[in-house]
Amino acid sequence: MTALTDMATETAYAKINLALHVRARRKDGYHDIETLFAFVDAGDRLDATPRDDGAITLSVEGPFAAGLDGDDNLVMRAAHALQPYGNGIGADLRLIKNLPVAAGIGGGSADAAAALRLLLRLWDIRPMAIDLPAIALSLGADVPACLASITLRGSGVGERLEPVDLGMSGMPVLLVNPLVPCPTGPVFKAWDRVDRGALGDDPQGWRNDLEAPALALVSEIGAVLEALQAAEGASMARMSGSGATCFALFEDAEACDFARQSIDAAHPGWWTMAGTLR
């Protein structure tokens, strides 16, 4: 085997849900939702170096790397799904896991999407020559949105996507997680099945219908929300996805950075990340 030398890098951008309205539980066990996806300009990092023997390897580093280096990692699943459309070249993949797991901010879905974007370039695959949306959806309901990593309105299980311009690009955002896992399945199962209405255009009516069931399962989310709501200059403090990460938007970066420093000092066991919306 001769290793090729060109390395490519991609960011797995953290996802937040500006709104998440759960409308109904479907017969297949999934849920019909209406949501607004937005993406932060930071997240996990994925590197890839091509190999001429067709093999695919994955190493995982970073603060949240534990237990993620198996073949069931979504990065590996994405690579194996895309490889048949390439020219027989493999890849050595390295994932720098900066985002907490089971945290409502994309996580594995963002990593899978980054792998698809990265390997399309590395293996010189033309996106229009394959059914890339179907490949992305086969990896998870959030992967198509993470593949685009732009502000999107989602419906269905999140796979029907429409780009939207909310005028929020560049807005500072602070993400905070109490480092308590909050798996998606139990949160959706705990939803009370009450349809509280459609997602409209007025931000005052936006909500996250999974916040209440997630709070019932992970009480620490309440403390995170209180800390963000108390931060000077914060707006739209809300839980993202199925939790436990919460976020707040800020008018300026100085207020966002000060809020992060204050929360880090008061809660050294929590995870925080500041960035801007893409």
C-alpha atoms as a PDB file:
ATOM      1  CA  MET A   1       0.000   0.000   0.000  1.00  0.00           C
ATOM      2  CA  THR A   2       1.217   3.463  -0.909  1.00  0.00           C
ATOM      3  CA  ALA A   3      -0.320   6.320   1.058  1.00  0.00           C
ATOM      4  CA  LEU A   4      -1.320   9.391  -0.958  1.00  0.00           C
ATOM      5  CA  THR A   5      -0.382  12.722   0.555  1.00  0.00           C
ATOM      6  CA  ASP A   6      -3.097  15.292  -0.180  1.00  0.00           C
ATOM      7  CA  MET A   7      -5.074  16.004   2.988  1.00  0.00           C
ATOM      8  CA  ALA A   8      -8.483  17.680   3.064  1.00  0.00           C
ATOM      9  CA  THR A   9     -10.301  19.199   6.048  1.00  0.00           C
ATOM     10  CA  GLU A  10     -13.959  19.930   6.763  1.00  0.00           C
ATOM     11  CA  THR A  11     -15.856  21.426   9.697  1.00  0.00           C
ATOM     12  CA  ALA A  12     -18.890  19.615  11.101  1.00  0.00           C
ATOM     13  CA  TYR A  13     -20.891  22.723  11.983  1.00  0.00           C
ATOM     14  CA  ALA A  14     -22.932  22.624  15.178  1.00  0.00           C
ATOM     15  CA  LYS A  15     -26.674  22.690  14.503  1.00  0.00           C
ATOM     16  CA  ILE A  16     -29.255  24.543  16.556  1.00  0.00           C
ATOM     17  CA  ASN A  17     -33.040  24.572  16.249  1.00  0.00           C
ATOM     18  CA  LEU A  18     -34.323  28.124  16.460  1.00  0.00           C
ATOM     19  CA  ALA A  19     -37.762  26.517  16.693  1.00  0.00           C
ATOM     20  CA  LEU A  20     -38.977  22.915  16.878  1.00  0.00           C
ATOM     21  CA  HIS A  21     -42.726  22.335  16.667  1.00  0.00           C
ATOM     22  CA  VAL A  22     -43.775  18.698  17.029  1.00  0.00           C
ATOM     23  CA  ARG A  23     -47.077  18.205  15.237  1.00  0.00           C
ATOM     24  CA  ALA A  24     -47.878  14.485  15.406  1.00  0.00           C
ATOM     25  CA  ARG A  25     -46.528  11.015  16.095  1.00  0.00           C
ATOM     26  CA  ARG A  26     -46.565   8.919  12.934  1.00  0.00           C
ATOM     27  CA  LYS A  27     -47.496   5.272  12.556  1.00  0.00           C
ATOM     28  CA  ASP A  28     -43.866   4.422  11.762  1.00  0.00           C
ATOM     29  CA  GLY A  29     -42.828   5.732  15.193  1.00  0.00           C
ATOM     30  CA  TYR A  30     -41.256   8.919  13.887  1.00  0.00           C
ATOM     31  CA  HIS A  31     -42.740  12.389  14.366  1.00  0.00           C
ATOM     32  CA  ASP A  32     -43.903  15.079  11.983  1.00  0.00           C
ATOM     33  CA  ILE A  33     -42.113  18.275  12.895  1.00  0.00           C
ATOM     34  CA  GLU A  34     -41.716  21.839  11.693  1.00  0.00           C
ATOM     35  CA  THR A  35     -38.356  23.349  12.516  1.00  0.00           C
ATOM     36  CA  LEU A  36     -35.889  26.099  11.744  1.00  0.00           C
ATOM     37  CA  PHE A  37     -32.337  24.820  11.452  1.00  0.00           C
ATOM     38  CA  ALA A  38     -29.441  27.221  11.900  1.00  0.00           C
ATOM     39  CA  PHE A  39     -25.721  26.488  12.052  1.00  0.00           C
ATOM     40  CA  VAL A  40     -22.827  27.850  14.078  1.00  0.00           C
ATOM     41  CA  ASP A  41     -19.481  28.588  12.432  1.00  0.00           C
ATOM     42  CA  ALA A  42     -17.700  26.057  14.681  1.00  0.00           C
ATOM     43  CA  GLY A  43     -17.980  22.399  15.612  1.00  0.00           C
ATOM     44  CA  ASP A  44     -16.138  19.139  15.110  1.00  0.00           C
ATOM     45  CA  ARG A  45     -13.269  18.867  12.621  1.00  0.00           C
ATOM     46  CA  LEU A  46     -12.724  16.065  10.125  1.00  0.00           C
ATOM     47  CA  ASP A  47      -9.455  15.445   8.250  1.00  0.00           C
ATOM     48  CA  ALA A  48      -8.981  12.946   5.433  1.00  0.00           C
ATOM     49  CA  THR A  49      -5.935  11.661   3.602  1.00  0.00           C
ATOM     50  CA  PRO A  50      -6.490   9.440   0.526  1.00  0.00           C
ATOM     51  CA  ARG A  51      -5.131   5.902   0.316  1.00  0.00           C
ATOM     52  CA  ASP A  52      -4.629   3.988  -2.895  1.00  0.00           C
ATOM     53  CA  ASP A  53      -5.532   0.570  -1.437  1.00  0.00           C
ATOM     54  CA  GLY A  54      -9.246   1.380  -0.984  1.00  0.00           C
ATOM     55  CA  ALA A  55      -9.189   0.945   2.800  1.00  0.00           C
ATOM     56  CA  ILE A  56     -11.055   3.324   5.100  1.00  0.00           C
ATOM     57  CA  THR A  57      -9.831   3.975   8.637  1.00  0.00           C
ATOM     58  CA  LEU A  58     -11.056   6.315  11.362  1.00  0.00           C
ATOM     59  CA  SER A  59      -9.318   7.729  14.417  1.00  0.00           C
ATOM     60  CA  VAL A  60     -11.149   9.949  16.888  1.00  0.00           C
ATOM     61  CA  GLU A  61      -9.519  12.556  19.125  1.00  0.00           C
ATOM     62  CA  GLY A  62     -10.713  15.428  21.247  1.00  0.00           C
ATOM     63  CA  PRO A  63     -12.588  15.944  24.513  1.00  0.00           C
ATOM     64  CA  PHE A  64     -15.598  13.825  23.502  1.00  0.00           C
ATOM     65  CA  ALA A  65     -13.822  11.055  21.594  1.00  0.00           C
ATOM     66  CA  ALA A  66     -14.442   8.173  24.013  1.00  0.00           C
ATOM     67  CA  GLY A  67     -16.155   5.182  22.454  1.00  0.00           C
ATOM     68  CA  LEU A  68     -16.662   6.730  19.004  1.00  0.00           C
ATOM     69  CA  ASP A  69     -14.016   4.971  16.911  1.00  0.00           C
ATOM     70  CA  GLY A  70     -16.019   1.902  15.816  1.00  0.00           C
ATOM     71  CA  ASP A  71     -17.418   1.018  12.391  1.00  0.00           C
ATOM     72  CA  ASP A  72     -20.876   2.154  13.535  1.00  0.00           C
ATOM     73  CA  ASN A  73     -19.638   5.756  13.749  1.00  0.00           C
ATOM     74  CA  LEU A  74     -21.674   7.817  11.294  1.00  0.00           C
ATOM     75  CA  VAL A  75     -18.473   9.085   9.680  1.00  0.00           C
ATOM     76  CA  MET A  76     -17.565   5.516   8.723  1.00  0.00           C
ATOM     77  CA  ARG A  77     -21.110   4.796   7.582  1.00  0.00           C
ATOM     78  CA  ALA A  78     -21.058   7.904   5.409  1.00  0.00           C
ATOM     79  CA  ALA A  79     -17.703   6.947   3.919  1.00  0.00           C
ATOM     80  CA  HIS A  80     -18.843   3.419   3.082  1.00  0.00           C
ATOM     81  CA  ALA A  81     -22.080   4.750   1.570  1.00  0.00           C
ATOM     82  CA  LEU A  82     -20.177   7.120  -0.731  1.00  0.00           C
ATOM     83  CA  GLN A  83     -17.198   4.953  -1.657  1.00  0.00           C
ATOM     84  CA  PRO A  84     -18.932   2.902  -4.401  1.00  0.00           C
ATOM     85  CA  TYR A  85     -19.254   6.114  -6.432  1.00  0.00           C
ATOM     86  CA  GLY A  86     -15.565   6.908  -6.231  1.00  0.00           C
ATOM     87  CA  ASN A  87     -12.574   5.558  -8.120  1.00  0.00           C
ATOM     88  CA  GLY A  88     -11.451   2.934  -5.633  1.00  0.00           C
ATOM     89  CA  ILE A  89      -9.470   5.320  -3.430  1.00  0.00           C
ATOM     90  CA  GLY A  90      -9.801   4.862   0.321  1.00  0.00           C
ATOM     91  CA  ALA A  91      -9.157   7.312   3.129  1.00  0.00           C
ATOM     92  CA  ASP A  92      -7.575   7.709   6.523  1.00  0.00           C
ATOM     93  CA  LEU A  93     -10.073   9.804   8.474  1.00  0.00           C
ATOM     94  CA  ARG A  94      -9.406  11.711  11.681  1.00  0.00           C
ATOM     95  CA  LEU A  95     -12.299  13.203  13.656  1.00  0.00           C
ATOM     96  CA  ILE A  96     -11.604  15.889  16.270  1.00  0.00           C
ATOM     97  CA  LYS A  97     -14.659  15.586  18.504  1.00  0.00           C
ATOM     98  CA  ASN A  98     -15.249  19.012  20.072  1.00  0.00           C
ATOM     99  CA  LEU A  99     -19.037  18.754  20.463  1.00  0.00           C
ATOM    100  CA  PRO A 100     -20.665  16.741  23.247  1.00  0.00           C
ATOM    101  CA  VAL A 101     -22.583  13.590  22.325  1.00  0.00           C
ATOM    102  CA  ALA A 102     -26.393  13.276  22.505  1.00  0.00           C
ATOM    103  CA  ALA A 103     -26.574  17.042  22.914  1.00  0.00           C
ATOM    104  CA  GLY A 104     -29.194  18.259  20.422  1.00  0.00           C
ATOM    105  CA  ILE A 105     -26.691  20.101  18.196  1.00  0.00           C
ATOM    106  CA  GLY A 106     -26.200  17.716  15.304  1.00  0.00           C
ATOM    107  CA  GLY A 107     -23.304  15.697  16.683  1.00  0.00           C
ATOM    108  CA  GLY A 108     -23.071  12.519  14.642  1.00  0.00           C
ATOM    109  CA  SER A 109     -25.333  13.936  11.928  1.00  0.00           C
ATOM    110  CA  ALA A 110     -23.020  16.922  11.453  1.00  0.00           C
ATOM    111  CA  ASP A 111     -20.027  14.568  11.379  1.00  0.00           C
ATOM    112  CA  ALA A 112     -21.684  12.382   8.730  1.00  0.00           C
ATOM    113  CA  ALA A 113     -22.530  15.431   6.629  1.00  0.00           C
ATOM    114  CA  ALA A 114     -18.955  16.714   6.930  1.00  0.00           C
ATOM    115  CA  ALA A 115     -17.701  13.298   5.808  1.00  0.00           C
ATOM    116  CA  LEU A 116     -19.916  13.439   2.725  1.00  0.00           C
ATOM    117  CA  ARG A 117     -18.757  16.954   1.798  1.00  0.00           C
ATOM    118  CA  LEU A 118     -15.123  16.069   2.443  1.00  0.00           C
ATOM    119  CA  LEU A 119     -15.085  12.777   0.548  1.00  0.00           C
ATOM    120  CA  LEU A 120     -16.913  14.218  -2.446  1.00  0.00           C
ATOM    121  CA  ARG A 121     -13.847  16.441  -2.863  1.00  0.00           C
ATOM    122  CA  LEU A 122     -11.244  13.883  -1.888  1.00  0.00           C
ATOM    123  CA  TRP A 123     -12.623  11.186  -4.208  1.00  0.00           C
ATOM    124  CA  ASP A 124     -13.595  13.628  -6.992  1.00  0.00           C
ATOM    125  CA  ILE A 125     -17.263  12.595  -7.026  1.00  0.00           C
ATOM    126  CA  ARG A 126     -19.686  14.938  -8.784  1.00  0.00           C
ATOM    127  CA  PRO A 127     -22.708  15.500  -6.473  1.00  0.00           C
ATOM    128  CA  MET A 128     -25.107  15.704  -9.409  1.00  0.00           C
ATOM    129  CA  ALA A 129     -24.008  12.262 -10.607  1.00  0.00           C
ATOM    130  CA  ILE A 130     -25.381  10.528  -7.492  1.00  0.00           C
ATOM    131  CA  ASP A 131     -28.503  10.706  -5.334  1.00  0.00           C
ATOM    132  CA  LEU A 132     -26.750  12.594  -2.563  1.00  0.00           C
ATOM    133  CA  PRO A 133     -29.963  13.612  -0.709  1.00  0.00           C
ATOM    134  CA  ALA A 134     -31.024   9.963  -0.458  1.00  0.00           C
ATOM    135  CA  ILE A 135     -27.591   8.923   0.799  1.00  0.00           C
ATOM    136  CA  ALA A 136     -27.691  11.692   3.416  1.00  0.00           C
ATOM    137  CA  LEU A 137     -31.213  10.768   4.562  1.00  0.00           C
ATOM    138  CA  SER A 138     -30.248   7.092   4.864  1.00  0.00           C
ATOM    139  CA  LEU A 139     -27.727   8.155   7.527  1.00  0.00           C
ATOM    140  CA  GLY A 140     -30.235  10.070   9.677  1.00  0.00           C
ATOM    141  CA  ALA A 141     -33.105  12.548   9.578  1.00  0.00           C
ATOM    142  CA  ASP A 142     -30.867  15.555  10.383  1.00  0.00           C
ATOM    143  CA  VAL A 143     -28.062  14.679   7.965  1.00  0.00           C
ATOM    144  CA  PRO A 144     -29.616  16.405   4.896  1.00  0.00           C
ATOM    145  CA  ALA A 145     -29.906  19.680   6.834  1.00  0.00           C
ATOM    146  CA  CYS A 146     -26.374  19.307   8.192  1.00  0.00           C
ATOM    147  CA  LEU A 147     -25.122  18.592   4.676  1.00  0.00           C
ATOM    148  CA  ALA A 148     -26.261  22.071   3.600  1.00  0.00           C
ATOM    149  CA  SER A 149     -25.351  23.738   6.929  1.00  0.00           C
ATOM    150  CA  ILE A 150     -27.316  26.871   6.077  1.00  0.00           C
ATOM    151  CA  THR A 151     -30.491  28.267   7.635  1.00  0.00           C
ATOM    152  CA  LEU A 152     -33.349  25.999   6.594  1.00  0.00           C
ATOM    153  CA  ARG A 153     -37.000  25.411   7.306  1.00  0.00           C
ATOM    154  CA  GLY A 154     -37.596  21.693   7.786  1.00  0.00           C
ATOM    155  CA  SER A 155     -40.751  19.604   7.820  1.00  0.00           C
ATOM    156  CA  GLY A 156     -41.717  15.938   7.703  1.00  0.00           C
ATOM    157  CA  VAL A 157     -39.179  14.242   9.956  1.00  0.00           C
ATOM    158  CA  GLY A 158     -36.862  17.129   9.092  1.00  0.00           C
ATOM    159  CA  GLU A 159     -35.963  15.903   5.616  1.00  0.00           C
ATOM    160  CA  ARG A 160     -38.145  18.313   3.597  1.00  0.00           C
ATOM    161  CA  LEU A 161     -35.982  21.415   3.494  1.00  0.00           C
ATOM    162  CA  GLU A 162     -36.372  24.967   2.245  1.00  0.00           C
ATOM    163  CA  PRO A 163     -33.652  27.631   2.532  1.00  0.00           C
ATOM    164  CA  VAL A 164     -34.800  30.744   4.394  1.00  0.00           C
ATOM    165  CA  ASP A 165     -33.195  34.103   5.074  1.00  0.00           C
ATOM    166  CA  LEU A 166     -33.982  35.218   8.615  1.00  0.00           C
ATOM    167  CA  GLY A 167     -31.453  38.039   8.604  1.00  0.00           C
ATOM    168  CA  MET A 168     -29.536  36.345  11.426  1.00  0.00           C
ATOM    169  CA  SER A 169     -26.297  35.464   9.637  1.00  0.00           C
ATOM    170  CA  GLY A 170     -23.328  36.683  11.661  1.00  0.00           C
ATOM    171  CA  MET A 171     -25.302  36.979  14.889  1.00  0.00           C
ATOM    172  CA  PRO A 172     -23.268  35.911  17.958  1.00  0.00           C
ATOM    173  CA  VAL A 173     -24.537  32.769  19.663  1.00  0.00           C
ATOM    174  CA  LEU A 174     -23.561  31.004  22.879  1.00  0.00           C
ATOM    175  CA  LEU A 175     -24.118  27.265  23.347  1.00  0.00           C
ATOM    176  CA  VAL A 176     -24.145  25.728  26.833  1.00  0.00           C
ATOM    177  CA  ASN A 177     -24.508  22.084  27.848  1.00  0.00           C
ATOM    178  CA  PRO A 178     -24.509  20.709  31.429  1.00  0.00           C
ATOM    179  CA  LEU A 179     -22.689  17.585  30.161  1.00  0.00           C
ATOM    180  CA  VAL A 180     -25.601  15.311  30.951  1.00  0.00           C
ATOM    181  CA  PRO A 181     -26.579  13.068  27.993  1.00  0.00           C
ATOM    182  CA  CYS A 182     -30.116  13.573  26.711  1.00  0.00           C
ATOM    183  CA  PRO A 183     -30.810  10.859  24.075  1.00  0.00           C
ATOM    184  CA  THR A 184     -33.343  11.737  21.409  1.00  0.00           C
ATOM    185  CA  GLY A 185     -35.518   8.617  21.649  1.00  0.00           C
ATOM    186  CA  PRO A 186     -36.648   8.974  25.279  1.00  0.00           C
ATOM    187  CA  VAL A 187     -37.336  12.694  24.813  1.00  0.00           C
ATOM    188  CA  PHE A 188     -39.618  12.162  21.839  1.00  0.00           C
ATOM    189  CA  LYS A 189     -41.298   9.273  23.668  1.00  0.00           C
ATOM    190  CA  ALA A 190     -42.048  11.591  26.592  1.00  0.00           C
ATOM    191  CA  TRP A 191     -43.699  14.223  24.358  1.00  0.00           C
ATOM    192  CA  ASP A 192     -47.331  14.617  25.445  1.00  0.00           C
ATOM    193  CA  ARG A 193     -48.692  14.367  21.860  1.00  0.00           C
ATOM    194  CA  VAL A 194     -50.388  17.754  22.082  1.00  0.00           C
ATOM    195  CA  ASP A 195     -50.193  19.700  18.802  1.00  0.00           C
ATOM    196  CA  ARG A 196     -49.553  23.279  19.885  1.00  0.00           C
ATOM    197  CA  GLY A 197     -49.734  24.736  16.406  1.00  0.00           C
ATOM    198  CA  ALA A 198     -47.816  25.360  13.233  1.00  0.00           C
ATOM    199  CA  LEU A 199     -44.523  27.181  12.843  1.00  0.00           C
ATOM    200  CA  GLY A 200     -45.235  30.732  11.726  1.00  0.00           C
ATOM    201  CA  ASP A 201     -43.048  33.620  10.637  1.00  0.00           C
ATOM    202  CA  ASP A 202     -43.226  35.551  13.933  1.00  0.00           C
ATOM    203  CA  PRO A 203     -40.291  34.685  16.217  1.00  0.00           C
ATOM    204  CA  GLN A 204     -42.508  35.460  19.216  1.00  0.00           C
ATOM    205  CA  GLY A 205     -44.466  32.316  18.410  1.00  0.00           C
ATOM    206  CA  TRP A 206     -41.469  30.036  17.994  1.00  0.00           C
ATOM    207  CA  ARG A 207     -40.936  27.321  20.604  1.00  0.00           C
ATOM    208  CA  ASN A 208     -39.306  23.950  21.224  1.00  0.00           C
ATOM    209  CA  ASP A 209     -41.962  21.360  22.024  1.00  0.00           C
ATOM    210  CA  LEU A 210     -39.292  18.944  23.282  1.00  0.00           C
ATOM    211  CA  GLU A 211     -38.106  21.309  25.996  1.00  0.00           C
ATOM    212  CA  ALA A 212     -40.691  20.197  28.574  1.00  0.00           C
ATOM    213  CA  PRO A 213     -40.117  16.436  28.157  1.00  0.00           C
ATOM    214  CA  ALA A 214     -36.340  16.948  28.116  1.00  0.00           C
ATOM    215  CA  LEU A 215     -36.542  18.990  31.322  1.00  0.00           C
ATOM    216  CA  ALA A 216     -38.495  16.173  32.947  1.00  0.00           C
ATOM    217  CA  LEU A 217     -35.669  13.769  32.080  1.00  0.00           C
ATOM    218  CA  VAL A 218     -32.674  16.073  32.636  1.00  0.00           C
ATOM    219  CA  SER A 219     -33.443  18.693  35.265  1.00  0.00           C
ATOM    220  CA  GLU A 220     -30.065  20.397  34.753  1.00  0.00           C
ATOM    221  CA  ILE A 221     -31.407  21.888  31.508  1.00  0.00           C
ATOM    222  CA  GLY A 222     -33.485  24.261  33.628  1.00  0.00           C
ATOM    223  CA  ALA A 223     -30.381  25.687  35.284  1.00  0.00           C
ATOM    224  CA  VAL A 224     -28.733  26.201  31.882  1.00  0.00           C
ATOM    225  CA  LEU A 225     -31.767  28.065  30.565  1.00  0.00           C
ATOM    226  CA  GLU A 226     -31.852  30.261  33.665  1.00  0.00           C
ATOM    227  CA  ALA A 227     -28.186  31.147  33.247  1.00  0.00           C
ATOM    228  CA  LEU A 228     -28.665  32.100  29.594  1.00  0.00           C
ATOM    229  CA  GLN A 229     -31.854  34.050  30.229  1.00  0.00           C
ATOM    230  CA  ALA A 230     -30.054  36.046  32.930  1.00  0.00           C
ATOM    231  CA  ALA A 231     -27.145  36.958  30.643  1.00  0.00           C
ATOM    232  CA  GLU A 232     -27.058  40.630  29.698  1.00  0.00           C
ATOM    233  CA  GLY A 233     -27.820  41.150  26.019  1.00  0.00           C
ATOM    234  CA  ALA A 234     -29.195  37.635  25.482  1.00  0.00           C
ATOM    235  CA  SER A 235     -32.276  36.926  23.400  1.00  0.00           C
ATOM    236  CA  MET A 236     -34.126  33.802  22.323  1.00  0.00           C
ATOM    237  CA  ALA A 237     -32.641  31.605  25.066  1.00  0.00           C
ATOM    238  CA  ARG A 238     -33.902  28.132  24.229  1.00  0.00           C
ATOM    239  CA  MET A 239     -33.047  24.437  24.249  1.00  0.00           C
ATOM    240  CA  SER A 240     -31.830  23.083  20.914  1.00  0.00           C
ATOM    241  CA  GLY A 241     -33.249  19.926  19.365  1.00  0.00           C
ATOM    242  CA  SER A 242     -33.909  17.210  21.907  1.00  0.00           C
ATOM    243  CA  GLY A 243     -31.399  18.711  24.396  1.00  0.00           C
ATOM    244  CA  ALA A 244     -29.493  19.111  26.583  1.00  0.00           C
ATOM    245  CA  THR A 245     -27.642  21.955  24.835  1.00  0.00           C
ATOM    246  CA  CYS A 246     -29.282  25.360  25.122  1.00  0.00           C
ATOM    247  CA  PHE A 247     -28.390  28.532  23.256  1.00  0.00           C
ATOM    248  CA  ALA A 248     -28.875  32.271  23.354  1.00  0.00           C
ATOM    249  CA  LEU A 249     -28.433  34.851  20.620  1.00  0.00           C
ATOM    250  CA  PHE A 250     -26.681  38.172  21.258  1.00  0.00           C
ATOM    251  CA  GLU A 251     -26.600  41.497  19.483  1.00  0.00           C
ATOM    252  CA  ASP A 252     -22.807  41.820  19.809  1.00  0.00           C
ATOM    253  CA  ALA A 253     -19.826  39.536  20.322  1.00  0.00           C
ATOM    254  CA  GLU A 254     -18.641  41.357  23.444  1.00  0.00           C
ATOM    255  CA  ALA A 255     -21.842  40.532  25.326  1.00  0.00           C
ATOM    256  CA  CYS A 256     -21.672  36.928  24.097  1.00  0.00           C
ATOM    257  CA  ASP A 257     -18.058  36.522  25.252  1.00  0.00           C
ATOM    258  CA  PHE A 258     -18.808  38.095  28.638  1.00  0.00           C
ATOM    259  CA  ALA A 259     -21.759  35.722  29.130  1.00  0.00           C
ATOM    260  CA  ARG A 260     -19.545  32.764  28.301  1.00  0.00           C
ATOM    261  CA  GLN A 261     -16.864  33.851  30.757  1.00  0.00           C
ATOM    262  CA  SER A 262     -19.460  34.379  33.481  1.00  0.00           C
ATOM    263  CA  ILE A 263     -21.085  30.987  32.932  1.00  0.00           C
ATOM    264  CA  ASP A 264     -17.694  29.240  32.774  1.00  0.00           C
ATOM    265  CA  ALA A 265     -16.756  30.806  36.110  1.00  0.00           C
ATOM    266  CA  ALA A 266     -20.053  29.960  37.797  1.00  0.00           C
ATOM    267  CA  HIS A 267     -20.367  26.445  36.320  1.00  0.00           C
ATOM    268  CA  PRO A 268     -16.911  25.026  35.555  1.00  0.00           C
ATOM    269  CA  GLY A 269     -18.374  21.577  34.886  1.00  0.00           C
ATOM    270  CA  TRP A 270     -20.502  22.783  31.980  1.00  0.00           C
ATOM    271  CA  TRP A 271     -19.477  22.894  28.306  1.00  0.00           C
ATOM    272  CA  THR A 272     -19.708  26.189  26.438  1.00  0.00           C
ATOM    273  CA  MET A 273     -18.993  27.281  22.876  1.00  0.00           C
ATOM    274  CA  ALA A 274     -19.333  30.753  21.391  1.00  0.00           C
ATOM    275  CA  GLY A 275     -19.598  31.479  17.685  1.00  0.00           C
ATOM    276  CA  THR A 276     -21.689  33.200  15.061  1.00  0.00           C
ATOM    277  CA  LEU A 277     -24.562  31.953  12.933  1.00  0.00           C
ATOM    278  CA  ARG A 278     -23.555  31.030   9.386  1.00  0.00           C
END
